[in-house]
Amino acid sequence: MRLQIAGTNCTTCGDRILSQNLGAGCIHCNATWHLKCAAESGTPCPKCGVEVTAESRRQVFAKYCVFCGLSNPERTLNCGECGSQTHWANVEECSRYHEELKRSFLRKLVVGALFIGFGLLGILGLFGALLKIRLPINLITLWFVGAAASMGRGLVLILRVRAMRKRLQGSVDWLSN
């Protein structure tokens, strides 16, 4: 999650960093250092040399959970209701998480559409079978319930994804260290 800076030793001078606000860290190699030991912004990491910008040190908290919609005013690391992630160490990590969520939304939409499609095919097949052959009422009921359940499941999945996509838009609150 978040890089622990307070209590670690500065990579540059070796002294202990007493407070989270007095230090900075590299998300690539987990090195930490005093702000006074390095220039404020645009300074490369003293250990691995990667450019450390103010943007990469910015923490991200969700205003509310994308999955269940619970508000997150205390800026907790995980949702108190469903346990999903509501904190990221930096903007890049948050962006990667949101891109993966968007890809999973697309997969779920496709699965929902397939459920609805198979449900419709089941109902059409049922009516086609009824016109040609005489089926027992138990089989007709079972077939219809299965097809309707498939369509219902697909519709619920699509509606749930739609709600999560709405919550994802504008759900983050940017904070600086």
N, C-alpha and C. Protein backbone atom coordinates (compact mmCIF):
# COMPACT_ATOMS: atom_id res chain seq x y z
N MET A 1 0.83 -1.18 0.00
CA MET A 1 0.00 0.00 0.00
C MET A 1 0.88 1.25 0.00
N ARG A 2 0.86 1.99 1.10
CA ARG A 2 1.58 3.25 1.20
C ARG A 2 2.98 2.98 1.72
N LEU A 3 3.96 3.69 1.18
CA LEU A 3 5.34 3.55 1.60
C LEU A 3 5.50 4.14 3.00
N GLN A 4 6.01 3.34 3.92
CA GLN A 4 6.25 3.80 5.29
C GLN A 4 7.55 4.59 5.31
N ILE A 5 7.46 5.87 5.68
CA ILE A 5 8.63 6.73 5.70
C ILE A 5 9.08 6.98 7.14
N ALA A 6 8.14 7.32 8.04
CA ALA A 6 8.48 7.60 9.44
C ALA A 6 9.12 6.37 10.08
N GLY A 7 10.25 6.59 10.78
CA GLY A 7 10.93 5.50 11.48
C GLY A 7 11.98 4.80 10.65
N THR A 8 12.06 5.11 9.35
CA THR A 8 13.10 4.49 8.52
C THR A 8 14.34 5.38 8.52
N ASN A 9 15.44 4.86 8.01
CA ASN A 9 16.67 5.64 7.93
C ASN A 9 16.79 6.27 6.55
N CYS A 10 17.26 7.50 6.53
CA CYS A 10 17.46 8.25 5.29
C CYS A 10 18.55 7.58 4.46
N THR A 11 18.28 7.36 3.20
CA THR A 11 19.25 6.75 2.29
C THR A 11 20.45 7.67 2.08
N THR A 12 20.23 8.98 2.15
CA THR A 12 21.30 9.94 1.90
C THR A 12 22.22 10.13 3.11
N CYS A 13 21.65 10.48 4.29
CA CYS A 13 22.49 10.81 5.45
C CYS A 13 22.54 9.70 6.50
N GLY A 14 21.63 8.74 6.44
CA GLY A 14 21.62 7.63 7.38
C GLY A 14 20.87 7.88 8.67
N ASP A 15 20.43 9.12 8.93
CA ASP A 15 19.68 9.43 10.16
C ASP A 15 18.24 8.94 10.04
N ARG A 16 17.61 8.72 11.21
CA ARG A 16 16.23 8.26 11.25
C ARG A 16 15.29 9.40 10.84
N ILE A 17 14.28 9.07 10.04
CA ILE A 17 13.26 10.04 9.65
C ILE A 17 12.16 9.97 10.70
N LEU A 18 11.93 11.07 11.41
CA LEU A 18 11.04 11.08 12.58
C LEU A 18 9.56 11.17 12.23
N SER A 19 9.23 11.77 11.10
CA SER A 19 7.82 11.97 10.75
C SER A 19 7.61 11.71 9.27
N GLN A 20 6.43 11.23 8.94
CA GLN A 20 6.06 10.97 7.55
C GLN A 20 6.19 12.25 6.72
N ASN A 21 5.86 13.39 7.31
CA ASN A 21 5.88 14.66 6.58
C ASN A 21 7.29 15.20 6.36
N LEU A 22 8.29 14.68 7.05
CA LEU A 22 9.67 15.16 6.92
C LEU A 22 10.46 14.38 5.89
N GLY A 23 9.85 13.37 5.31
CA GLY A 23 10.58 12.53 4.37
C GLY A 23 9.83 12.30 3.09
N ALA A 24 10.52 11.66 2.17
CA ALA A 24 9.95 11.26 0.89
C ALA A 24 10.44 9.85 0.60
N GLY A 25 9.84 9.22 -0.38
CA GLY A 25 10.25 7.87 -0.70
C GLY A 25 10.07 7.55 -2.16
N CYS A 26 10.75 6.51 -2.59
CA CYS A 26 10.67 6.07 -3.98
C CYS A 26 9.76 4.85 -4.04
N ILE A 27 8.77 4.91 -4.89
CA ILE A 27 7.83 3.79 -5.01
C ILE A 27 8.42 2.63 -5.80
N HIS A 28 9.56 2.87 -6.46
CA HIS A 28 10.17 1.82 -7.28
C HIS A 28 11.11 0.92 -6.48
N CYS A 29 11.91 1.53 -5.56
CA CYS A 29 12.87 0.72 -4.79
C CYS A 29 12.64 0.80 -3.28
N ASN A 30 11.62 1.55 -2.84
CA ASN A 30 11.28 1.72 -1.43
C ASN A 30 12.33 2.43 -0.60
N ALA A 31 13.22 3.17 -1.25
CA ALA A 31 14.21 3.98 -0.51
C ALA A 31 13.50 5.19 0.10
N THR A 32 13.98 5.64 1.26
CA THR A 32 13.41 6.82 1.91
C THR A 32 14.54 7.81 2.21
N TRP A 33 14.19 9.11 2.31
CA TRP A 33 15.17 10.15 2.60
C TRP A 33 14.47 11.37 3.17
N HIS A 34 15.25 12.21 3.85
CA HIS A 34 14.72 13.47 4.38
C HIS A 34 14.46 14.43 3.23
N LEU A 35 13.43 15.24 3.35
CA LEU A 35 13.18 16.28 2.34
C LEU A 35 14.33 17.27 2.30
N LYS A 36 14.94 17.54 3.46
CA LYS A 36 16.06 18.48 3.49
C LYS A 36 17.31 17.91 2.80
N CYS A 37 17.37 16.60 2.66
CA CYS A 37 18.53 15.97 2.02
C CYS A 37 18.41 15.95 0.50
N ALA A 38 17.27 16.26 -0.02
CA ALA A 38 17.07 16.23 -1.48
C ALA A 38 16.22 17.44 -1.89
N ALA A 39 16.36 17.87 -3.11
CA ALA A 39 15.53 18.97 -3.61
C ALA A 39 14.07 18.53 -3.58
N GLU A 40 13.12 19.45 -3.47
CA GLU A 40 11.71 19.16 -3.25
C GLU A 40 11.08 18.33 -4.38
N SER A 41 11.20 18.77 -5.59
CA SER A 41 10.50 18.09 -6.67
C SER A 41 11.43 17.84 -7.85
N GLY A 42 11.26 16.73 -8.51
CA GLY A 42 12.05 16.44 -9.70
C GLY A 42 13.42 15.87 -9.39
N THR A 43 13.68 15.52 -8.14
CA THR A 43 14.97 14.97 -7.75
C THR A 43 14.94 13.46 -7.97
N PRO A 44 15.97 12.91 -8.58
CA PRO A 44 15.98 11.45 -8.73
C PRO A 44 16.20 10.77 -7.39
N CYS A 45 15.74 9.55 -7.29
CA CYS A 45 15.92 8.75 -6.08
C CYS A 45 17.41 8.53 -5.86
N PRO A 46 17.90 8.74 -4.63
CA PRO A 46 19.33 8.55 -4.38
C PRO A 46 19.78 7.10 -4.49
N LYS A 47 18.86 6.16 -4.43
CA LYS A 47 19.23 4.75 -4.50
C LYS A 47 19.17 4.20 -5.93
N CYS A 48 18.01 4.40 -6.62
CA CYS A 48 17.86 3.79 -7.96
C CYS A 48 17.91 4.80 -9.09
N GLY A 49 17.85 6.11 -8.77
CA GLY A 49 17.97 7.14 -9.80
C GLY A 49 16.71 7.48 -10.56
N VAL A 50 15.58 6.86 -10.19
CA VAL A 50 14.32 7.14 -10.87
C VAL A 50 13.84 8.53 -10.45
N GLU A 51 13.27 9.27 -11.39
CA GLU A 51 12.76 10.61 -11.11
C GLU A 51 11.58 10.54 -10.14
N VAL A 52 11.68 11.24 -9.03
CA VAL A 52 10.62 11.27 -8.03
C VAL A 52 9.98 12.64 -8.08
N THR A 53 8.74 12.68 -8.52
CA THR A 53 8.03 13.95 -8.65
C THR A 53 7.00 14.08 -7.54
N ALA A 54 6.52 15.28 -7.36
CA ALA A 54 5.47 15.50 -6.36
C ALA A 54 4.24 14.68 -6.70
N GLU A 55 3.97 14.50 -7.99
CA GLU A 55 2.80 13.74 -8.43
C GLU A 55 2.90 12.28 -7.99
N SER A 56 4.11 11.70 -8.03
CA SER A 56 4.25 10.29 -7.66
C SER A 56 4.18 10.08 -6.15
N ARG A 57 4.34 11.16 -5.35
CA ARG A 57 4.25 11.04 -3.90
C ARG A 57 2.83 11.32 -3.40
N ARG A 58 1.94 11.65 -4.28
CA ARG A 58 0.59 12.03 -3.91
C ARG A 58 -0.26 10.81 -3.57
N GLN A 59 -0.85 10.79 -2.39
CA GLN A 59 -1.70 9.68 -1.99
C GLN A 59 -3.09 9.84 -2.60
N VAL A 60 -3.77 8.73 -2.77
CA VAL A 60 -5.11 8.77 -3.35
C VAL A 60 -6.04 7.97 -2.44
N PHE A 61 -7.17 8.59 -2.08
CA PHE A 61 -8.21 7.93 -1.29
C PHE A 61 -9.51 8.00 -2.06
N ALA A 62 -10.29 6.93 -2.01
CA ALA A 62 -11.61 6.94 -2.63
C ALA A 62 -12.58 7.67 -1.73
N LYS A 63 -13.45 8.50 -2.31
CA LYS A 63 -14.49 9.18 -1.54
C LYS A 63 -15.52 8.18 -1.05
N TYR A 64 -15.73 7.14 -1.86
CA TYR A 64 -16.65 6.06 -1.50
C TYR A 64 -16.22 4.81 -2.24
N CYS A 65 -16.67 3.67 -1.75
CA CYS A 65 -16.30 2.38 -2.33
C CYS A 65 -16.96 2.21 -3.70
N VAL A 66 -16.17 1.80 -4.67
CA VAL A 66 -16.68 1.59 -6.02
C VAL A 66 -17.65 0.40 -6.06
N PHE A 67 -17.41 -0.59 -5.21
CA PHE A 67 -18.20 -1.82 -5.27
C PHE A 67 -19.52 -1.73 -4.52
N CYS A 68 -19.49 -1.21 -3.28
CA CYS A 68 -20.73 -1.20 -2.50
C CYS A 68 -21.30 0.20 -2.28
N GLY A 69 -20.54 1.25 -2.60
CA GLY A 69 -21.03 2.61 -2.49
C GLY A 69 -20.92 3.23 -1.11
N LEU A 70 -20.31 2.54 -0.14
CA LEU A 70 -20.16 3.08 1.22
C LEU A 70 -19.24 4.29 1.19
N SER A 71 -19.66 5.36 1.86
CA SER A 71 -18.87 6.59 1.94
C SER A 71 -17.59 6.32 2.74
N ASN A 72 -16.51 7.02 2.39
CA ASN A 72 -15.21 6.84 3.03
C ASN A 72 -14.68 8.18 3.56
N PRO A 73 -15.42 8.84 4.49
CA PRO A 73 -14.97 10.16 4.96
C PRO A 73 -13.73 10.09 5.83
N GLU A 74 -13.47 8.95 6.49
CA GLU A 74 -12.28 8.83 7.36
C GLU A 74 -11.02 8.50 6.57
N ARG A 75 -11.17 8.30 5.27
CA ARG A 75 -10.04 7.96 4.39
C ARG A 75 -9.32 6.70 4.89
N THR A 76 -10.07 5.62 4.96
CA THR A 76 -9.52 4.34 5.39
C THR A 76 -8.84 3.64 4.22
N LEU A 77 -8.03 2.62 4.54
CA LEU A 77 -7.31 1.89 3.51
C LEU A 77 -8.22 0.94 2.73
N ASN A 78 -9.21 0.37 3.42
CA ASN A 78 -10.15 -0.57 2.80
C ASN A 78 -11.57 -0.21 3.21
N CYS A 79 -12.52 -0.60 2.40
CA CYS A 79 -13.93 -0.33 2.68
C CYS A 79 -14.35 -1.08 3.95
N GLY A 80 -15.07 -0.39 4.82
CA GLY A 80 -15.54 -1.00 6.05
C GLY A 80 -16.66 -2.01 5.83
N GLU A 81 -17.32 -1.94 4.70
CA GLU A 81 -18.45 -2.82 4.40
C GLU A 81 -18.01 -4.10 3.67
N CYS A 82 -17.33 -3.91 2.52
CA CYS A 82 -16.99 -5.07 1.69
C CYS A 82 -15.50 -5.40 1.66
N GLY A 83 -14.66 -4.51 2.22
CA GLY A 83 -13.22 -4.79 2.29
C GLY A 83 -12.43 -4.45 1.04
N SER A 84 -13.05 -3.87 0.02
CA SER A 84 -12.31 -3.56 -1.20
C SER A 84 -11.38 -2.36 -0.97
N GLN A 85 -10.39 -2.24 -1.82
CA GLN A 85 -9.36 -1.22 -1.67
C GLN A 85 -9.92 0.19 -1.89
N THR A 86 -9.58 1.12 -0.96
CA THR A 86 -10.00 2.51 -1.08
C THR A 86 -8.83 3.48 -0.91
N HIS A 87 -7.59 2.99 -0.94
CA HIS A 87 -6.40 3.83 -0.78
C HIS A 87 -5.30 3.32 -1.69
N TRP A 88 -4.59 4.26 -2.30
CA TRP A 88 -3.45 3.93 -3.16
C TRP A 88 -2.29 4.84 -2.79
N ALA A 89 -1.09 4.33 -2.89
CA ALA A 89 0.10 5.08 -2.48
C ALA A 89 0.37 6.28 -3.37
N ASN A 90 -0.07 6.21 -4.63
CA ASN A 90 0.20 7.31 -5.55
C ASN A 90 -0.79 7.27 -6.70
N VAL A 91 -0.72 8.28 -7.53
CA VAL A 91 -1.65 8.44 -8.64
C VAL A 91 -1.51 7.31 -9.66
N GLU A 92 -0.27 6.90 -9.94
CA GLU A 92 -0.05 5.84 -10.94
C GLU A 92 -0.69 4.53 -10.49
N GLU A 93 -0.53 4.19 -9.21
CA GLU A 93 -1.12 2.96 -8.69
C GLU A 93 -2.64 3.01 -8.79
N CYS A 94 -3.21 4.16 -8.46
CA CYS A 94 -4.66 4.33 -8.55
C CYS A 94 -5.13 4.20 -10.00
N SER A 95 -4.40 4.80 -10.92
CA SER A 95 -4.77 4.73 -12.34
C SER A 95 -4.73 3.30 -12.85
N ARG A 96 -3.70 2.55 -12.46
CA ARG A 96 -3.61 1.14 -12.87
C ARG A 96 -4.80 0.35 -12.32
N TYR A 97 -5.15 0.60 -11.06
CA TYR A 97 -6.28 -0.09 -10.43
C TYR A 97 -7.58 0.23 -11.18
N HIS A 98 -7.78 1.49 -11.51
CA HIS A 98 -9.01 1.90 -12.20
C HIS A 98 -9.06 1.35 -13.62
N GLU A 99 -7.93 1.28 -14.30
CA GLU A 99 -7.91 0.68 -15.64
C GLU A 99 -8.26 -0.81 -15.59
N GLU A 100 -7.75 -1.50 -14.58
CA GLU A 100 -8.09 -2.92 -14.42
C GLU A 100 -9.57 -3.09 -14.11
N LEU A 101 -10.12 -2.18 -13.29
CA LEU A 101 -11.56 -2.23 -13.01
C LEU A 101 -12.37 -2.04 -14.28
N LYS A 102 -11.96 -1.08 -15.12
CA LYS A 102 -12.69 -0.84 -16.37
C LYS A 102 -12.65 -2.06 -17.27
N ARG A 103 -11.50 -2.75 -17.32
CA ARG A 103 -11.41 -3.97 -18.13
C ARG A 103 -12.32 -5.06 -17.55
N SER A 104 -12.37 -5.15 -16.22
CA SER A 104 -13.25 -6.17 -15.62
C SER A 104 -14.71 -5.82 -15.84
N PHE A 105 -15.04 -4.52 -15.87
CA PHE A 105 -16.41 -4.11 -16.17
C PHE A 105 -16.81 -4.57 -17.56
N LEU A 106 -15.92 -4.41 -18.52
CA LEU A 106 -16.21 -4.83 -19.89
C LEU A 106 -16.45 -6.34 -19.95
N ARG A 107 -15.60 -7.10 -19.26
CA ARG A 107 -15.79 -8.56 -19.24
C ARG A 107 -17.14 -8.92 -18.63
N LYS A 108 -17.52 -8.24 -17.55
CA LYS A 108 -18.79 -8.54 -16.89
C LYS A 108 -19.97 -8.15 -17.77
N LEU A 109 -19.84 -7.07 -18.52
CA LEU A 109 -20.91 -6.68 -19.44
C LEU A 109 -21.10 -7.74 -20.53
N VAL A 110 -20.01 -8.27 -21.03
CA VAL A 110 -20.09 -9.32 -22.06
C VAL A 110 -20.76 -10.56 -21.47
N VAL A 111 -20.37 -10.94 -20.26
CA VAL A 111 -20.98 -12.12 -19.62
C VAL A 111 -22.47 -11.87 -19.39
N GLY A 112 -22.83 -10.67 -18.94
CA GLY A 112 -24.25 -10.34 -18.74
C GLY A 112 -25.03 -10.42 -20.03
N ALA A 113 -24.45 -9.92 -21.11
CA ALA A 113 -25.12 -9.98 -22.41
C ALA A 113 -25.28 -11.44 -22.87
N LEU A 114 -24.28 -12.27 -22.60
CA LEU A 114 -24.38 -13.69 -22.95
C LEU A 114 -25.49 -14.38 -22.16
N PHE A 115 -25.60 -14.08 -20.87
CA PHE A 115 -26.69 -14.65 -20.06
C PHE A 115 -28.04 -14.27 -20.65
N ILE A 116 -28.20 -13.00 -20.99
CA ILE A 116 -29.47 -12.55 -21.57
C ILE A 116 -29.72 -13.24 -22.91
N GLY A 117 -28.68 -13.33 -23.73
CA GLY A 117 -28.81 -13.98 -25.03
C GLY A 117 -29.20 -15.45 -24.91
N PHE A 118 -28.54 -16.18 -24.00
CA PHE A 118 -28.89 -17.58 -23.82
C PHE A 118 -30.29 -17.74 -23.24
N GLY A 119 -30.69 -16.81 -22.37
CA GLY A 119 -32.06 -16.85 -21.84
C GLY A 119 -33.09 -16.66 -22.94
N LEU A 120 -32.83 -15.69 -23.83
CA LEU A 120 -33.75 -15.46 -24.96
C LEU A 120 -33.79 -16.67 -25.88
N LEU A 121 -32.62 -17.25 -26.15
CA LEU A 121 -32.58 -18.45 -26.98
C LEU A 121 -33.37 -19.59 -26.33
N GLY A 122 -33.26 -19.71 -25.01
CA GLY A 122 -34.01 -20.75 -24.29
C GLY A 122 -35.50 -20.55 -24.41
N ILE A 123 -35.95 -19.30 -24.29
CA ILE A 123 -37.39 -19.03 -24.41
C ILE A 123 -37.87 -19.26 -25.85
N LEU A 124 -37.09 -18.81 -26.82
CA LEU A 124 -37.45 -19.06 -28.23
C LEU A 124 -37.47 -20.55 -28.53
N GLY A 125 -36.49 -21.27 -28.00
CA GLY A 125 -36.47 -22.73 -28.18
C GLY A 125 -37.67 -23.39 -27.54
N LEU A 126 -38.07 -22.89 -26.40
CA LEU A 126 -39.24 -23.43 -25.72
C LEU A 126 -40.49 -23.25 -26.57
N PHE A 127 -40.69 -22.03 -27.09
CA PHE A 127 -41.87 -21.80 -27.92
C PHE A 127 -41.82 -22.61 -29.22
N GLY A 128 -40.63 -22.74 -29.77
CA GLY A 128 -40.49 -23.58 -30.96
C GLY A 128 -40.83 -25.03 -30.67
N ALA A 129 -40.40 -25.52 -29.52
CA ALA A 129 -40.70 -26.91 -29.14
C ALA A 129 -42.18 -27.09 -28.85
N LEU A 130 -42.80 -26.10 -28.26
CA LEU A 130 -44.22 -26.19 -27.96
C LEU A 130 -45.06 -26.27 -29.23
N LEU A 131 -44.63 -25.59 -30.28
CA LEU A 131 -45.38 -25.61 -31.52
C LEU A 131 -45.27 -26.95 -32.24
N LYS A 132 -44.14 -27.62 -32.10
CA LYS A 132 -43.92 -28.86 -32.84
C LYS A 132 -44.29 -30.12 -32.05
N ILE A 133 -43.94 -30.13 -30.76
CA ILE A 133 -44.21 -31.33 -29.97
C ILE A 133 -44.90 -30.96 -28.66
N ARG A 134 -45.53 -31.91 -28.09
CA ARG A 134 -46.22 -31.71 -26.82
C ARG A 134 -45.26 -32.08 -25.70
N LEU A 135 -44.92 -31.11 -24.80
CA LEU A 135 -44.00 -31.37 -23.70
C LEU A 135 -44.78 -31.40 -22.38
N PRO A 136 -44.31 -32.19 -21.42
CA PRO A 136 -44.96 -32.20 -20.10
C PRO A 136 -44.83 -30.81 -19.44
N ILE A 137 -45.83 -30.46 -18.65
CA ILE A 137 -45.88 -29.13 -18.03
C ILE A 137 -44.69 -28.90 -17.10
N ASN A 138 -44.20 -29.94 -16.40
CA ASN A 138 -43.03 -29.80 -15.53
C ASN A 138 -41.79 -29.38 -16.32
N LEU A 139 -41.59 -29.99 -17.47
CA LEU A 139 -40.44 -29.67 -18.31
C LEU A 139 -40.56 -28.25 -18.87
N ILE A 140 -41.76 -27.85 -19.26
CA ILE A 140 -41.99 -26.50 -19.77
C ILE A 140 -41.68 -25.47 -18.68
N THR A 141 -42.18 -25.72 -17.49
CA THR A 141 -41.95 -24.81 -16.36
C THR A 141 -40.47 -24.70 -16.05
N LEU A 142 -39.78 -25.83 -15.96
CA LEU A 142 -38.36 -25.85 -15.67
C LEU A 142 -37.57 -25.11 -16.74
N TRP A 143 -37.88 -25.34 -17.98
CA TRP A 143 -37.21 -24.69 -19.09
C TRP A 143 -37.42 -23.17 -19.02
N PHE A 144 -38.66 -22.76 -18.82
CA PHE A 144 -38.97 -21.33 -18.76
C PHE A 144 -38.28 -20.66 -17.57
N VAL A 145 -38.32 -21.29 -16.40
CA VAL A 145 -37.68 -20.73 -15.21
C VAL A 145 -36.17 -20.61 -15.42
N GLY A 146 -35.56 -21.60 -16.02
CA GLY A 146 -34.12 -21.55 -16.30
C GLY A 146 -33.77 -20.41 -17.25
N ALA A 147 -34.56 -20.26 -18.30
CA ALA A 147 -34.30 -19.19 -19.27
C ALA A 147 -34.52 -17.82 -18.63
N ALA A 148 -35.59 -17.68 -17.85
CA ALA A 148 -35.87 -16.40 -17.19
C ALA A 148 -34.79 -16.08 -16.15
N ALA A 149 -34.32 -17.09 -15.42
CA ALA A 149 -33.26 -16.87 -14.43
C ALA A 149 -31.97 -16.43 -15.11
N SER A 150 -31.66 -17.02 -16.25
CA SER A 150 -30.47 -16.63 -17.00
C SER A 150 -30.57 -15.17 -17.44
N MET A 151 -31.73 -14.78 -17.94
CA MET A 151 -31.92 -13.40 -18.37
C MET A 151 -31.86 -12.45 -17.17
N GLY A 152 -32.47 -12.86 -16.06
CA GLY A 152 -32.44 -12.03 -14.85
C GLY A 152 -31.04 -11.84 -14.32
N ARG A 153 -30.27 -12.92 -14.32
CA ARG A 153 -28.88 -12.83 -13.85
C ARG A 153 -28.07 -11.90 -14.74
N GLY A 154 -28.26 -12.01 -16.04
CA GLY A 154 -27.55 -11.13 -16.96
C GLY A 154 -27.93 -9.67 -16.76
N LEU A 155 -29.21 -9.42 -16.56
CA LEU A 155 -29.67 -8.05 -16.35
C LEU A 155 -29.13 -7.47 -15.05
N VAL A 156 -29.15 -8.26 -13.97
CA VAL A 156 -28.61 -7.81 -12.68
C VAL A 156 -27.12 -7.51 -12.81
N LEU A 157 -26.38 -8.36 -13.49
CA LEU A 157 -24.95 -8.15 -13.68
C LEU A 157 -24.68 -6.85 -14.45
N ILE A 158 -25.43 -6.61 -15.50
CA ILE A 158 -25.25 -5.39 -16.29
C ILE A 158 -25.61 -4.15 -15.46
N LEU A 159 -26.68 -4.20 -14.70
CA LEU A 159 -27.08 -3.06 -13.86
C LEU A 159 -26.07 -2.80 -12.76
N ARG A 160 -25.52 -3.86 -12.18
CA ARG A 160 -24.50 -3.70 -11.13
C ARG A 160 -23.24 -3.06 -11.70
N VAL A 161 -22.81 -3.50 -12.87
CA VAL A 161 -21.63 -2.91 -13.50
C VAL A 161 -21.88 -1.45 -13.84
N ARG A 162 -23.07 -1.15 -14.31
CA ARG A 162 -23.42 0.24 -14.64
C ARG A 162 -23.33 1.13 -13.40
N ALA A 163 -23.82 0.64 -12.27
CA ALA A 163 -23.75 1.41 -11.03
C ALA A 163 -22.30 1.59 -10.57
N MET A 164 -21.48 0.54 -10.70
CA MET A 164 -20.08 0.65 -10.30
C MET A 164 -19.33 1.63 -11.20
N ARG A 165 -19.65 1.64 -12.49
CA ARG A 165 -18.99 2.58 -13.40
C ARG A 165 -19.33 4.02 -13.03
N LYS A 166 -20.58 4.27 -12.65
CA LYS A 166 -20.96 5.62 -12.22
C LYS A 166 -20.21 6.02 -10.96
N ARG A 167 -20.09 5.06 -10.01
CA ARG A 167 -19.36 5.37 -8.77
C ARG A 167 -17.88 5.58 -9.03
N LEU A 168 -17.33 4.89 -10.02
CA LEU A 168 -15.90 5.02 -10.32
C LEU A 168 -15.56 6.43 -10.82
N GLN A 169 -16.47 7.02 -11.58
CA GLN A 169 -16.23 8.37 -12.09
C GLN A 169 -16.30 9.36 -10.95
N GLY A 170 -15.22 10.04 -10.70
CA GLY A 170 -15.18 11.04 -9.65
C GLY A 170 -15.15 10.49 -8.25
N SER A 171 -14.70 9.25 -8.06
CA SER A 171 -14.74 8.64 -6.73
C SER A 171 -13.48 8.89 -5.92
N VAL A 172 -12.43 9.48 -6.50
CA VAL A 172 -11.18 9.61 -5.77
C VAL A 172 -10.98 11.03 -5.28
N ASP A 173 -10.23 11.12 -4.19
CA ASP A 173 -9.89 12.38 -3.56
C ASP A 173 -8.37 12.43 -3.50
N TRP A 174 -7.74 13.40 -4.10
CA TRP A 174 -6.28 13.46 -4.18
C TRP A 174 -5.73 14.17 -2.95
N LEU A 175 -4.75 13.57 -2.32
CA LEU A 175 -4.09 14.17 -1.16
C LEU A 175 -2.59 14.15 -1.37
N SER A 176 -1.91 15.17 -0.95
CA SER A 176 -0.45 15.20 -1.01
C SER A 176 0.10 14.76 0.34
N ASN A 177 1.30 14.20 0.32
CA ASN A 177 1.97 13.81 1.57
C ASN A 177 2.21 15.01 2.44
